[in-house]
Amino acid sequence: MALLRILALALLPLVAAAQSYPSKPVRMIIGFPAGGPADIFGRALAQGMASDFGQPVVVENISGVGGVLGVERGVKSAPDGYTVVFNSASPLVIAPYSLARLPYDIKKDIALITLAVRVPEVLAVHPSLPVAKFEDLIAYAKANPGKVNFGSAGAGSITHLAGELLKAEAKIDIVHVPYKGAAPAVTDLLGGQVQMGIFDVPVLLAHIRSGKLKALAITSAKRADALPDVPTTVERSYPNVTSDNWYGLIMPAAAPAQIQSRVHAAAMAALKSNAVIEQMAKVGGVASPTTPQEYAKFVEAEQEKWGRIVTAIGFKEQN
C-alpha cells in the first residue's frame, strides 16, 4: 500500500500537467525550409491547432537530410507535449531503408498522431520532348533507352523513387538526375536540362498552366482537383505507379497519453475545419485526418511499398 501511495504521488504532477495542457505556446518543427509545400501545409495546421488550443503554435523550420534532422530534433525534445513535428514521408518510410544510420527508433521514439495532408504528384515533361500523352512517353523511352533524364529533389526522395517506380513498372530505361531540392530540379526541367520529373502538383501547377511544362499523368488513384483534365497513371493501366506525397503529425513517444490525445483532438479539429481544408486545397493538398492507429497502418504500408523500391535499386546513402 505504501508503495502504491508513493507511485500515486509521483504521478500527480504528470496528471496535473496533462489536465492543464497547453498552458504555454507549443512548438511545431517542420523539417523543410520556409516557403515550400511542407511549410505551407504545416503552418496551416499550426494555425488551426492554435485556435483549438487557445495557445500559439510556433513554427520552427529545421531542414536537412530529407526531413530527418527535424524529426530527430523533435522526438528527442522533452516529452511534455510542447514540441510536435510536422513530418514528411521521407523520414518515416524511406530513410529507414536508404540511410546507413537512422538517429531515432521509429517504433520506440515516435508517437504517430495523425496523417495530415495528402498531395498528389504530377508527371510533367519539357515541351521539347516529342510526346503528347503518357503512353507516348513510355513508347518514346522504350525506343530511346537512356535518352530521357528525370530530375528529382534528391537521391532517396519521393520524387526520385517515383521515377524509379515508373521505370520498374513500365520497364523503361530513364536516367535519374538528383538535385538539392525541388526548386533547382524544376529550374532545370523548365530549361530543358532534364526532360521530365514527378513532383507535387503545387510545385509544377503554375508552369503547367502557363504551358512551360506538359502534364502527362497524375500519379494517384484519383485525378487532382487542380488539374482535372490530366488522367491518372491508374487510368493509363499502371495501377502500381502511385506516388502521392504526404505529411503527418508526430511527437515524442514518451509524452503522456492524455497529452497525446489532446494533441490529436486539436489536430482533428483543425483538419476538419473549413479554413484549413480550403487553405490546403488552394495549394493542391487534401486534408486527411486519421486516428493514430490508422496512421500507423498507413505508415507500415508505405514502408513496405517504398522499402521494396529502395532495396531493388540498391540505394544506400551515407550519413
C-alpha atoms as a PDB file:
ATOM      1  CA  MET A   1       0.000   0.000   0.000  1.00  0.00           C
ATOM      2  CA  ALA A   2       2.822   2.375   0.882  1.00  0.00           C
ATOM      3  CA  LEU A   3       4.418   1.708  -2.498  1.00  0.00           C
ATOM      4  CA  LEU A   4       1.153   2.411  -4.266  1.00  0.00           C
ATOM      5  CA  ARG A   5       0.795   5.718  -2.438  1.00  0.00           C
ATOM      6  CA  ILE A   6       4.332   6.687  -3.420  1.00  0.00           C
ATOM      7  CA  LEU A   7       3.630   5.845  -7.064  1.00  0.00           C
ATOM      8  CA  ALA A   8       0.363   7.793  -6.978  1.00  0.00           C
ATOM      9  CA  LEU A   9       2.132  10.837  -5.546  1.00  0.00           C
ATOM     10  CA  ALA A  10       4.842  10.562  -8.204  1.00  0.00           C
ATOM     11  CA  LEU A  11       2.226  10.558 -10.956  1.00  0.00           C
ATOM     12  CA  LEU A  12       0.308  13.564  -9.634  1.00  0.00           C
ATOM     13  CA  PRO A  13       2.482  16.173 -11.410  1.00  0.00           C
ATOM     14  CA  LEU A  14       2.052  14.340 -14.747  1.00  0.00           C
ATOM     15  CA  VAL A  15      -1.718  14.158 -14.324  1.00  0.00           C
ATOM     16  CA  ALA A  16      -1.915  17.818 -13.371  1.00  0.00           C
ATOM     17  CA  ALA A  17       0.264  18.790 -16.336  1.00  0.00           C
ATOM     18  CA  ALA A  18      -1.930  16.817 -18.722  1.00  0.00           C
ATOM     19  CA  GLN A  19      -5.100  18.396 -17.370  1.00  0.00           C
ATOM     20  CA  SER A  20      -3.762  21.965 -17.761  1.00  0.00           C
ATOM     21  CA  TYR A  21      -2.115  21.341 -21.125  1.00  0.00           C
ATOM     22  CA  PRO A  22      -1.368  23.510 -23.004  1.00  0.00           C
ATOM     23  CA  SER A  23      -0.582  26.380 -20.688  1.00  0.00           C
ATOM     24  CA  LYS A  24       2.011  27.998 -22.976  1.00  0.00           C
ATOM     25  CA  PRO A  25       2.890  28.114 -26.711  1.00  0.00           C
ATOM     26  CA  VAL A  26       3.520  24.818 -28.489  1.00  0.00           C
ATOM     27  CA  ARG A  27       6.419  24.457 -30.926  1.00  0.00           C
ATOM     28  CA  MET A  28       5.851  22.738 -34.286  1.00  0.00           C
ATOM     29  CA  ILE A  29       9.035  21.659 -36.062  1.00  0.00           C
ATOM     30  CA  ILE A  30       8.842  21.466 -39.851  1.00  0.00           C
ATOM     31  CA  GLY A  31      11.749  19.581 -41.412  1.00  0.00           C
ATOM     32  CA  PHE A  32      11.974  21.710 -44.545  1.00  0.00           C
ATOM     33  CA  PRO A  33      12.787  25.350 -45.384  1.00  0.00           C
ATOM     34  CA  ALA A  34      10.208  28.109 -45.151  1.00  0.00           C
ATOM     35  CA  GLY A  35       8.108  28.743 -48.235  1.00  0.00           C
ATOM     36  CA  GLY A  36       7.929  25.206 -49.619  1.00  0.00           C
ATOM     37  CA  PRO A  37       4.882  22.903 -49.683  1.00  0.00           C
ATOM     38  CA  ALA A  38       5.701  21.280 -46.317  1.00  0.00           C
ATOM     39  CA  ASP A  39       5.974  24.708 -44.707  1.00  0.00           C
ATOM     40  CA  ILE A  40       2.712  25.916 -46.242  1.00  0.00           C
ATOM     41  CA  PHE A  41       0.761  22.839 -45.116  1.00  0.00           C
ATOM     42  CA  GLY A  42       2.412  22.758 -41.691  1.00  0.00           C
ATOM     43  CA  ARG A  43       1.646  26.397 -40.984  1.00  0.00           C
ATOM     44  CA  ALA A  44      -1.989  25.868 -41.968  1.00  0.00           C
ATOM     45  CA  LEU A  45      -2.220  23.011 -39.468  1.00  0.00           C
ATOM     46  CA  ALA A  46      -0.401  25.023 -36.797  1.00  0.00           C
ATOM     47  CA  GLN A  47      -2.828  27.905 -37.173  1.00  0.00           C
ATOM     48  CA  GLY A  48      -5.815  25.594 -36.899  1.00  0.00           C
ATOM     49  CA  MET A  49      -4.443  23.824 -33.835  1.00  0.00           C
ATOM     50  CA  ALA A  50      -3.688  27.146 -32.159  1.00  0.00           C
ATOM     51  CA  SER A  51      -7.371  28.063 -32.418  1.00  0.00           C
ATOM     52  CA  ASP A  52      -8.336  24.847 -30.656  1.00  0.00           C
ATOM     53  CA  PHE A  53      -5.567  25.041 -28.049  1.00  0.00           C
ATOM     54  CA  GLY A  54      -6.126  28.666 -27.179  1.00  0.00           C
ATOM     55  CA  GLN A  55      -2.337  28.958 -27.317  1.00  0.00           C
ATOM     56  CA  PRO A  56       0.034  29.874 -30.173  1.00  0.00           C
ATOM     57  CA  VAL A  57       1.631  27.059 -32.162  1.00  0.00           C
ATOM     58  CA  VAL A  58       5.001  28.458 -33.189  1.00  0.00           C
ATOM     59  CA  VAL A  59       6.642  27.018 -36.317  1.00  0.00           C
ATOM     60  CA  GLU A  60      10.380  26.299 -36.379  1.00  0.00           C
ATOM     61  CA  ASN A  61      11.973  25.185 -39.651  1.00  0.00           C
ATOM     62  CA  ILE A  62      14.793  22.667 -39.136  1.00  0.00           C
ATOM     63  CA  SER A  63      15.726  21.265 -42.530  1.00  0.00           C
ATOM     64  CA  GLY A  64      18.235  18.655 -43.638  1.00  0.00           C
ATOM     65  CA  VAL A  65      18.575  15.017 -44.747  1.00  0.00           C
ATOM     66  CA  GLY A  66      15.103  14.998 -46.277  1.00  0.00           C
ATOM     67  CA  GLY A  67      13.347  15.949 -43.067  1.00  0.00           C
ATOM     68  CA  VAL A  68      15.305  13.542 -40.835  1.00  0.00           C
ATOM     69  CA  LEU A  69      17.005  16.298 -38.829  1.00  0.00           C
ATOM     70  CA  GLY A  70      13.681  17.915 -37.951  1.00  0.00           C
ATOM     71  CA  VAL A  71      12.221  14.605 -36.793  1.00  0.00           C
ATOM     72  CA  GLU A  72      15.341  13.847 -34.755  1.00  0.00           C
ATOM     73  CA  ARG A  73      15.241  17.231 -33.020  1.00  0.00           C
ATOM     74  CA  GLY A  74      11.537  16.915 -32.310  1.00  0.00           C
ATOM     75  CA  VAL A  75      11.358  13.380 -30.952  1.00  0.00           C
ATOM     76  CA  LYS A  76      14.424  13.947 -28.763  1.00  0.00           C
ATOM     77  CA  SER A  77      12.861  17.051 -27.197  1.00  0.00           C
ATOM     78  CA  ALA A  78      11.314  16.984 -23.732  1.00  0.00           C
ATOM     79  CA  PRO A  79       8.235  14.713 -23.895  1.00  0.00           C
ATOM     80  CA  ASP A  80       5.966  17.294 -22.323  1.00  0.00           C
ATOM     81  CA  GLY A  81       3.738  17.937 -25.338  1.00  0.00           C
ATOM     82  CA  TYR A  82       5.254  21.308 -26.126  1.00  0.00           C
ATOM     83  CA  THR A  83       7.099  20.049 -29.202  1.00  0.00           C
ATOM     84  CA  VAL A  84       5.361  18.360 -32.136  1.00  0.00           C
ATOM     85  CA  VAL A  85       6.728  17.616 -35.602  1.00  0.00           C
ATOM     86  CA  PHE A  86       5.132  18.052 -38.995  1.00  0.00           C
ATOM     87  CA  ASN A  87       6.754  15.155 -40.826  1.00  0.00           C
ATOM     88  CA  SER A  88       7.003  14.152 -44.456  1.00  0.00           C
ATOM     89  CA  ALA A  89       7.108  10.636 -45.862  1.00  0.00           C
ATOM     90  CA  SER A  90      10.880  10.515 -46.188  1.00  0.00           C
ATOM     91  CA  PRO A  91      11.963  10.358 -42.505  1.00  0.00           C
ATOM     92  CA  LEU A  92       9.490   7.580 -41.670  1.00  0.00           C
ATOM     93  CA  VAL A  93       9.224   5.388 -44.755  1.00  0.00           C
ATOM     94  CA  ILE A  94      12.276   5.989 -46.949  1.00  0.00           C
ATOM     95  CA  ALA A  95      15.104   6.899 -44.572  1.00  0.00           C
ATOM     96  CA  PRO A  96      14.875   3.567 -42.662  1.00  0.00           C
ATOM     97  CA  TYR A  97      15.923   1.814 -45.871  1.00  0.00           C
ATOM     98  CA  SER A  98      18.121   4.439 -47.537  1.00  0.00           C
ATOM     99  CA  LEU A  99      20.225   5.756 -44.653  1.00  0.00           C
ATOM    100  CA  ALA A 100      23.134   3.831 -43.207  1.00  0.00           C
ATOM    101  CA  ARG A 101      22.101   5.035 -39.743  1.00  0.00           C
ATOM    102  CA  LEU A 102      18.811   6.437 -38.528  1.00  0.00           C
ATOM    103  CA  PRO A 103      19.154   8.767 -35.497  1.00  0.00           C
ATOM    104  CA  TYR A 104      15.874   7.612 -33.923  1.00  0.00           C
ATOM    105  CA  ASP A 105      13.870   4.443 -33.495  1.00  0.00           C
ATOM    106  CA  ILE A 106      10.543   4.839 -35.276  1.00  0.00           C
ATOM    107  CA  LYS A 107       8.750   2.292 -33.090  1.00  0.00           C
ATOM    108  CA  LYS A 108      10.222   3.399 -29.748  1.00  0.00           C
ATOM    109  CA  ASP A 109      10.819   7.154 -30.082  1.00  0.00           C
ATOM    110  CA  ILE A 110       7.855   8.348 -32.150  1.00  0.00           C
ATOM    111  CA  ALA A 111       4.161   8.698 -31.353  1.00  0.00           C
ATOM    112  CA  LEU A 112       2.187   8.778 -34.600  1.00  0.00           C
ATOM    113  CA  ILE A 113      -0.631  11.284 -34.085  1.00  0.00           C
ATOM    114  CA  THR A 114      -2.347  11.649 -37.466  1.00  0.00           C
ATOM    115  CA  LEU A 115      -1.883  11.771 -41.179  1.00  0.00           C
ATOM    116  CA  ALA A 116      -2.431  15.434 -42.037  1.00  0.00           C
ATOM    117  CA  VAL A 117      -2.469  16.008 -45.771  1.00  0.00           C
ATOM    118  CA  ARG A 118      -2.045  14.053 -48.979  1.00  0.00           C
ATOM    119  CA  VAL A 119      -0.550  15.761 -52.007  1.00  0.00           C
ATOM    120  CA  PRO A 120      -0.990  14.302 -55.495  1.00  0.00           C
ATOM    121  CA  GLU A 121       2.060  14.301 -57.723  1.00  0.00           C
ATOM    122  CA  VAL A 122       2.138  15.007 -61.429  1.00  0.00           C
ATOM    123  CA  LEU A 123       4.441  13.645 -64.118  1.00  0.00           C
ATOM    124  CA  ALA A 124       5.416  16.527 -66.375  1.00  0.00           C
ATOM    125  CA  VAL A 125       7.794  16.877 -69.297  1.00  0.00           C
ATOM    126  CA  HIS A 126       9.590  19.683 -71.090  1.00  0.00           C
ATOM    127  CA  PRO A 127       7.781  20.719 -74.305  1.00  0.00           C
ATOM    128  CA  SER A 128      10.854  19.781 -76.353  1.00  0.00           C
ATOM    129  CA  LEU A 129      10.186  16.097 -75.661  1.00  0.00           C
ATOM    130  CA  PRO A 130       8.114  14.835 -78.621  1.00  0.00           C
ATOM    131  CA  VAL A 131       5.288  13.319 -76.597  1.00  0.00           C
ATOM    132  CA  ALA A 132       1.706  14.430 -76.035  1.00  0.00           C
ATOM    133  CA  LYS A 133       0.365  11.662 -73.790  1.00  0.00           C
ATOM    134  CA  PHE A 134       1.590   9.354 -71.052  1.00  0.00           C
ATOM    135  CA  GLU A 135       1.557   6.424 -73.494  1.00  0.00           C
ATOM    136  CA  ASP A 136       3.739   8.436 -75.880  1.00  0.00           C
ATOM    137  CA  LEU A 137       6.324   8.931 -73.141  1.00  0.00           C
ATOM    138  CA  ILE A 138       6.502   5.206 -72.408  1.00  0.00           C
ATOM    139  CA  ALA A 139       6.843   4.391 -76.125  1.00  0.00           C
ATOM    140  CA  TYR A 140       9.491   7.095 -76.627  1.00  0.00           C
ATOM    141  CA  ALA A 141      11.513   5.934 -73.624  1.00  0.00           C
ATOM    142  CA  LYS A 142      11.419   2.334 -74.863  1.00  0.00           C
ATOM    143  CA  ALA A 143      12.564   3.429 -78.318  1.00  0.00           C
ATOM    144  CA  ASN A 144      15.288   5.666 -76.871  1.00  0.00           C
ATOM    145  CA  PRO A 145      16.795   3.860 -73.844  1.00  0.00           C
ATOM    146  CA  GLY A 146      18.917   6.079 -71.630  1.00  0.00           C
ATOM    147  CA  LYS A 147      17.949   9.234 -73.527  1.00  0.00           C
ATOM    148  CA  VAL A 148      15.287  10.577 -71.136  1.00  0.00           C
ATOM    149  CA  ASN A 149      16.556  12.176 -67.912  1.00  0.00           C
ATOM    150  CA  PHE A 150      14.315  12.790 -64.916  1.00  0.00           C
ATOM    151  CA  GLY A 151      15.122  15.284 -62.200  1.00  0.00           C
ATOM    152  CA  SER A 152      14.345  14.844 -58.521  1.00  0.00           C
ATOM    153  CA  ALA A 153      14.542  16.756 -55.253  1.00  0.00           C
ATOM    154  CA  GLY A 154      17.382  14.465 -54.179  1.00  0.00           C
ATOM    155  CA  ALA A 155      18.512  10.871 -54.039  1.00  0.00           C
ATOM    156  CA  GLY A 156      16.126   8.846 -51.906  1.00  0.00           C
ATOM    157  CA  SER A 157      13.318  11.408 -52.056  1.00  0.00           C
ATOM    158  CA  ILE A 158       9.771  10.532 -53.075  1.00  0.00           C
ATOM    159  CA  THR A 159      10.407  12.388 -56.343  1.00  0.00           C
ATOM    160  CA  HIS A 160      13.383  10.099 -57.012  1.00  0.00           C
ATOM    161  CA  LEU A 161      11.652   6.869 -56.034  1.00  0.00           C
ATOM    162  CA  ALA A 162       8.524   7.791 -58.013  1.00  0.00           C
ATOM    163  CA  GLY A 163      10.680   7.830 -61.136  1.00  0.00           C
ATOM    164  CA  GLU A 164      12.289   4.533 -60.175  1.00  0.00           C
ATOM    165  CA  LEU A 165       8.828   3.041 -59.621  1.00  0.00           C
ATOM    166  CA  LEU A 166       7.730   4.130 -63.104  1.00  0.00           C
ATOM    167  CA  LYS A 167      10.978   2.809 -64.537  1.00  0.00           C
ATOM    168  CA  ALA A 168      10.423  -0.618 -62.959  1.00  0.00           C
ATOM    169  CA  GLU A 169       6.723  -0.939 -63.760  1.00  0.00           C
ATOM    170  CA  ALA A 170       6.935   0.313 -67.357  1.00  0.00           C
ATOM    171  CA  LYS A 171      10.273  -1.457 -67.979  1.00  0.00           C
ATOM    172  CA  ILE A 172      11.905   1.645 -69.415  1.00  0.00           C
ATOM    173  CA  ASP A 173      15.457   2.968 -69.152  1.00  0.00           C
ATOM    174  CA  ILE A 174      15.313   6.557 -67.877  1.00  0.00           C
ATOM    175  CA  VAL A 175      18.199   8.278 -66.107  1.00  0.00           C
ATOM    176  CA  HIS A 176      17.936   9.841 -62.657  1.00  0.00           C
ATOM    177  CA  VAL A 177      19.460  13.290 -62.080  1.00  0.00           C
ATOM    178  CA  PRO A 178      19.361  14.253 -58.371  1.00  0.00           C
ATOM    179  CA  TYR A 179      19.240  17.861 -57.191  1.00  0.00           C
ATOM    180  CA  LYS A 180      19.464  19.501 -53.776  1.00  0.00           C
ATOM    181  CA  GLY A 181      15.755  20.211 -53.501  1.00  0.00           C
ATOM    182  CA  ALA A 182      12.763  20.540 -55.783  1.00  0.00           C
ATOM    183  CA  ALA A 183      13.436  24.177 -56.747  1.00  0.00           C
ATOM    184  CA  PRO A 184      16.711  23.619 -58.659  1.00  0.00           C
ATOM    185  CA  ALA A 185      15.297  20.450 -60.237  1.00  0.00           C
ATOM    186  CA  VAL A 186      12.271  22.332 -61.541  1.00  0.00           C
ATOM    187  CA  THR A 187      14.519  25.153 -62.797  1.00  0.00           C
ATOM    188  CA  ASP A 188      16.457  22.674 -64.929  1.00  0.00           C
ATOM    189  CA  LEU A 189      13.241  20.979 -66.051  1.00  0.00           C
ATOM    190  CA  LEU A 190      11.967  24.350 -67.250  1.00  0.00           C
ATOM    191  CA  GLY A 191      15.283  24.912 -69.029  1.00  0.00           C
ATOM    192  CA  GLY A 192      15.241  21.512 -70.697  1.00  0.00           C
ATOM    193  CA  GLN A 193      18.415  20.261 -68.985  1.00  0.00           C
ATOM    194  CA  VAL A 194      16.264  17.340 -67.783  1.00  0.00           C
ATOM    195  CA  GLN A 195      13.259  16.181 -69.774  1.00  0.00           C
ATOM    196  CA  MET A 196      10.837  15.000 -67.120  1.00  0.00           C
ATOM    197  CA  GLY A 197      10.053  14.971 -63.431  1.00  0.00           C
ATOM    198  CA  ILE A 198       7.435  13.805 -60.938  1.00  0.00           C
ATOM    199  CA  PHE A 199       6.718  16.478 -58.345  1.00  0.00           C
ATOM    200  CA  ASP A 200       3.953  17.679 -56.037  1.00  0.00           C
ATOM    201  CA  VAL A 201       1.154  19.315 -58.026  1.00  0.00           C
ATOM    202  CA  PRO A 202       1.614  22.672 -56.202  1.00  0.00           C
ATOM    203  CA  VAL A 203       5.284  22.771 -57.268  1.00  0.00           C
ATOM    204  CA  LEU A 204       4.513  22.486 -61.006  1.00  0.00           C
ATOM    205  CA  LEU A 205       0.981  23.863 -61.271  1.00  0.00           C
ATOM    206  CA  ALA A 206       1.824  27.406 -62.418  1.00  0.00           C
ATOM    207  CA  HIS A 207       4.307  26.135 -65.020  1.00  0.00           C
ATOM    208  CA  ILE A 208       1.771  23.637 -66.375  1.00  0.00           C
ATOM    209  CA  ARG A 209      -0.945  26.271 -66.595  1.00  0.00           C
ATOM    210  CA  SER A 210       1.423  28.661 -68.394  1.00  0.00           C
ATOM    211  CA  GLY A 211       2.362  25.993 -70.942  1.00  0.00           C
ATOM    212  CA  LYS A 212       6.020  25.873 -69.935  1.00  0.00           C
ATOM    213  CA  LEU A 213       5.605  22.202 -68.994  1.00  0.00           C
ATOM    214  CA  LYS A 214       3.285  19.441 -70.247  1.00  0.00           C
ATOM    215  CA  ALA A 215       1.401  17.393 -67.638  1.00  0.00           C
ATOM    216  CA  LEU A 216       1.039  13.765 -68.747  1.00  0.00           C
ATOM    217  CA  ALA A 217      -0.313  11.959 -65.699  1.00  0.00           C
ATOM    218  CA  ILE A 218      -1.285  12.290 -62.062  1.00  0.00           C
ATOM    219  CA  THR A 219       0.493   9.525 -60.135  1.00  0.00           C
ATOM    220  CA  SER A 220      -2.508   8.835 -57.919  1.00  0.00           C
ATOM    221  CA  ALA A 221      -5.645   6.725 -57.861  1.00  0.00           C
ATOM    222  CA  LYS A 222      -7.806   9.840 -58.336  1.00  0.00           C
ATOM    223  CA  ARG A 223      -7.452  12.904 -60.513  1.00  0.00           C
ATOM    224  CA  ALA A 224      -6.222  16.125 -58.931  1.00  0.00           C
ATOM    225  CA  ASP A 225      -8.806  18.874 -58.475  1.00  0.00           C
ATOM    226  CA  ALA A 226      -6.240  21.432 -59.609  1.00  0.00           C
ATOM    227  CA  LEU A 227      -5.666  19.536 -62.894  1.00  0.00           C
ATOM    228  CA  PRO A 228      -8.982  17.800 -63.587  1.00  0.00           C
ATOM    229  CA  ASP A 229      -8.222  17.089 -67.262  1.00  0.00           C
ATOM    230  CA  VAL A 230      -4.980  15.214 -66.568  1.00  0.00           C
ATOM    231  CA  PRO A 231      -5.531  11.421 -66.371  1.00  0.00           C
ATOM    232  CA  THR A 232      -4.061   9.261 -63.627  1.00  0.00           C
ATOM    233  CA  THR A 233      -1.491   6.505 -64.030  1.00  0.00           C
ATOM    234  CA  VAL A 234      -4.208   4.135 -62.804  1.00  0.00           C
ATOM    235  CA  GLU A 235      -6.390   5.179 -65.742  1.00  0.00           C
ATOM    236  CA  ARG A 236      -3.439   4.554 -68.041  1.00  0.00           C
ATOM    237  CA  SER A 237      -3.128   0.912 -66.893  1.00  0.00           C
ATOM    238  CA  TYR A 238      -0.306   1.448 -64.412  1.00  0.00           C
ATOM    239  CA  PRO A 239      -2.151   0.929 -61.093  1.00  0.00           C
ATOM    240  CA  ASN A 240       1.069   0.377 -59.132  1.00  0.00           C
ATOM    241  CA  VAL A 241       2.635   3.664 -60.235  1.00  0.00           C
ATOM    242  CA  THR A 242       1.189   5.810 -57.466  1.00  0.00           C
ATOM    243  CA  SER A 243       3.342   8.208 -55.507  1.00  0.00           C
ATOM    244  CA  ASP A 244       1.212  10.629 -53.544  1.00  0.00           C
ATOM    245  CA  ASN A 245       3.337  12.717 -51.265  1.00  0.00           C
ATOM    246  CA  TRP A 246       2.006  13.193 -47.756  1.00  0.00           C
ATOM    247  CA  TYR A 247       2.655  14.825 -44.413  1.00  0.00           C
ATOM    248  CA  GLY A 248       1.661  13.928 -40.880  1.00  0.00           C
ATOM    249  CA  LEU A 249       1.989  14.902 -37.248  1.00  0.00           C
ATOM    250  CA  ILE A 250       4.192  13.129 -34.707  1.00  0.00           C
ATOM    251  CA  MET A 251       5.595  13.807 -31.238  1.00  0.00           C
ATOM    252  CA  PRO A 252       7.882  12.121 -28.680  1.00  0.00           C
ATOM    253  CA  ALA A 253       6.558   8.693 -27.744  1.00  0.00           C
ATOM    254  CA  ALA A 254       7.277   9.326 -24.066  1.00  0.00           C
ATOM    255  CA  ALA A 255       4.720  12.156 -23.898  1.00  0.00           C
ATOM    256  CA  PRO A 256       1.832  11.276 -21.522  1.00  0.00           C
ATOM    257  CA  ALA A 257      -1.103   9.535 -23.188  1.00  0.00           C
ATOM    258  CA  GLN A 258      -3.514  12.294 -22.109  1.00  0.00           C
ATOM    259  CA  ILE A 259      -1.361  14.901 -23.833  1.00  0.00           C
ATOM    260  CA  GLN A 260      -1.055  12.811 -26.990  1.00  0.00           C
ATOM    261  CA  SER A 261      -4.849  12.566 -27.028  1.00  0.00           C
ATOM    262  CA  ARG A 262      -5.183  16.330 -26.572  1.00  0.00           C
ATOM    263  CA  VAL A 263      -2.779  16.988 -29.473  1.00  0.00           C
ATOM    264  CA  HIS A 264      -4.741  14.564 -31.631  1.00  0.00           C
ATOM    265  CA  ALA A 265      -8.012  16.295 -30.769  1.00  0.00           C
ATOM    266  CA  ALA A 266      -6.581  19.685 -31.722  1.00  0.00           C
ATOM    267  CA  ALA A 267      -5.236  18.298 -34.986  1.00  0.00           C
ATOM    268  CA  MET A 268      -8.627  16.734 -35.784  1.00  0.00           C
ATOM    269  CA  ALA A 269     -10.425  19.996 -35.123  1.00  0.00           C
ATOM    270  CA  ALA A 270      -8.001  21.821 -37.397  1.00  0.00           C
ATOM    271  CA  LEU A 271      -8.015  19.291 -40.246  1.00  0.00           C
ATOM    272  CA  LYS A 272     -11.817  19.128 -40.263  1.00  0.00           C
ATOM    273  CA  SER A 273     -12.249  22.895 -40.232  1.00  0.00           C
ATOM    274  CA  ASN A 274     -13.278  24.638 -43.446  1.00  0.00           C
ATOM    275  CA  ALA A 275     -10.483  27.181 -43.046  1.00  0.00           C
ATOM    276  CA  VAL A 276      -7.676  24.591 -43.019  1.00  0.00           C
ATOM    277  CA  ILE A 277      -9.303  22.376 -45.665  1.00  0.00           C
ATOM    278  CA  GLU A 278      -9.620  25.357 -48.017  1.00  0.00           C
ATOM    279  CA  GLN A 279      -6.124  26.641 -47.247  1.00  0.00           C
ATOM    280  CA  MET A 280      -4.573  23.267 -48.071  1.00  0.00           C
ATOM    281  CA  ALA A 281      -6.725  22.817 -51.168  1.00  0.00           C
ATOM    282  CA  LYS A 282      -5.502  26.120 -52.593  1.00  0.00           C
ATOM    283  CA  VAL A 283      -2.030  24.607 -52.952  1.00  0.00           C
ATOM    284  CA  GLY A 284      -3.181  21.171 -54.087  1.00  0.00           C
ATOM    285  CA  GLY A 285      -3.361  19.367 -50.742  1.00  0.00           C
ATOM    286  CA  VAL A 286      -6.164  17.176 -49.434  1.00  0.00           C
ATOM    287  CA  ALA A 287      -6.664  17.360 -45.651  1.00  0.00           C
ATOM    288  CA  SER A 288      -6.611  13.724 -44.439  1.00  0.00           C
ATOM    289  CA  PRO A 289      -7.185  13.322 -40.681  1.00  0.00           C
ATOM    290  CA  THR A 290      -6.852   9.833 -39.193  1.00  0.00           C
ATOM    291  CA  THR A 291      -6.704   8.067 -35.864  1.00  0.00           C
ATOM    292  CA  PRO A 292      -3.214   7.207 -34.568  1.00  0.00           C
ATOM    293  CA  GLN A 293      -3.960   3.551 -35.335  1.00  0.00           C
ATOM    294  CA  GLU A 294      -4.932   4.352 -38.928  1.00  0.00           C
ATOM    295  CA  TYR A 295      -1.801   6.463 -39.307  1.00  0.00           C
ATOM    296  CA  ALA A 296       0.334   3.564 -38.023  1.00  0.00           C
ATOM    297  CA  LYS A 297      -1.187   1.167 -40.577  1.00  0.00           C
ATOM    298  CA  PHE A 298      -0.703   3.736 -43.333  1.00  0.00           C
ATOM    299  CA  VAL A 299       2.969   4.251 -42.445  1.00  0.00           C
ATOM    300  CA  GLU A 300       3.530   0.490 -42.345  1.00  0.00           C
ATOM    301  CA  ALA A 301       2.037   0.089 -45.837  1.00  0.00           C
ATOM    302  CA  GLU A 302       4.139   2.968 -47.175  1.00  0.00           C
ATOM    303  CA  GLN A 303       7.299   1.465 -45.652  1.00  0.00           C
ATOM    304  CA  GLU A 304       6.589  -1.826 -47.379  1.00  0.00           C
ATOM    305  CA  LYS A 305       5.967  -0.104 -50.725  1.00  0.00           C
ATOM    306  CA  TRP A 306       8.958   2.233 -50.802  1.00  0.00           C
ATOM    307  CA  GLY A 307      11.266  -0.169 -48.964  1.00  0.00           C
ATOM    308  CA  ARG A 308      10.909  -2.586 -51.901  1.00  0.00           C
ATOM    309  CA  ILE A 309      11.904   0.140 -54.360  1.00  0.00           C
ATOM    310  CA  VAL A 310      14.911   1.289 -52.319  1.00  0.00           C
ATOM    311  CA  THR A 311      16.078  -2.306 -51.965  1.00  0.00           C
ATOM    312  CA  ALA A 312      15.501  -3.091 -55.645  1.00  0.00           C
ATOM    313  CA  ILE A 313      17.643  -0.194 -56.848  1.00  0.00           C
ATOM    314  CA  GLY A 314      20.282  -0.828 -54.188  1.00  0.00           C
ATOM    315  CA  PHE A 315      20.171   2.743 -52.955  1.00  0.00           C
ATOM    316  CA  LYS A 316      22.073   3.500 -49.760  1.00  0.00           C
ATOM    317  CA  GLU A 317      23.075   6.941 -48.579  1.00  0.00           C
ATOM    318  CA  GLN A 318      25.838   7.512 -46.047  1.00  0.00           C
ATOM    319  CA  ASN A 319      25.026   9.938 -43.243  1.00  0.00           C
END
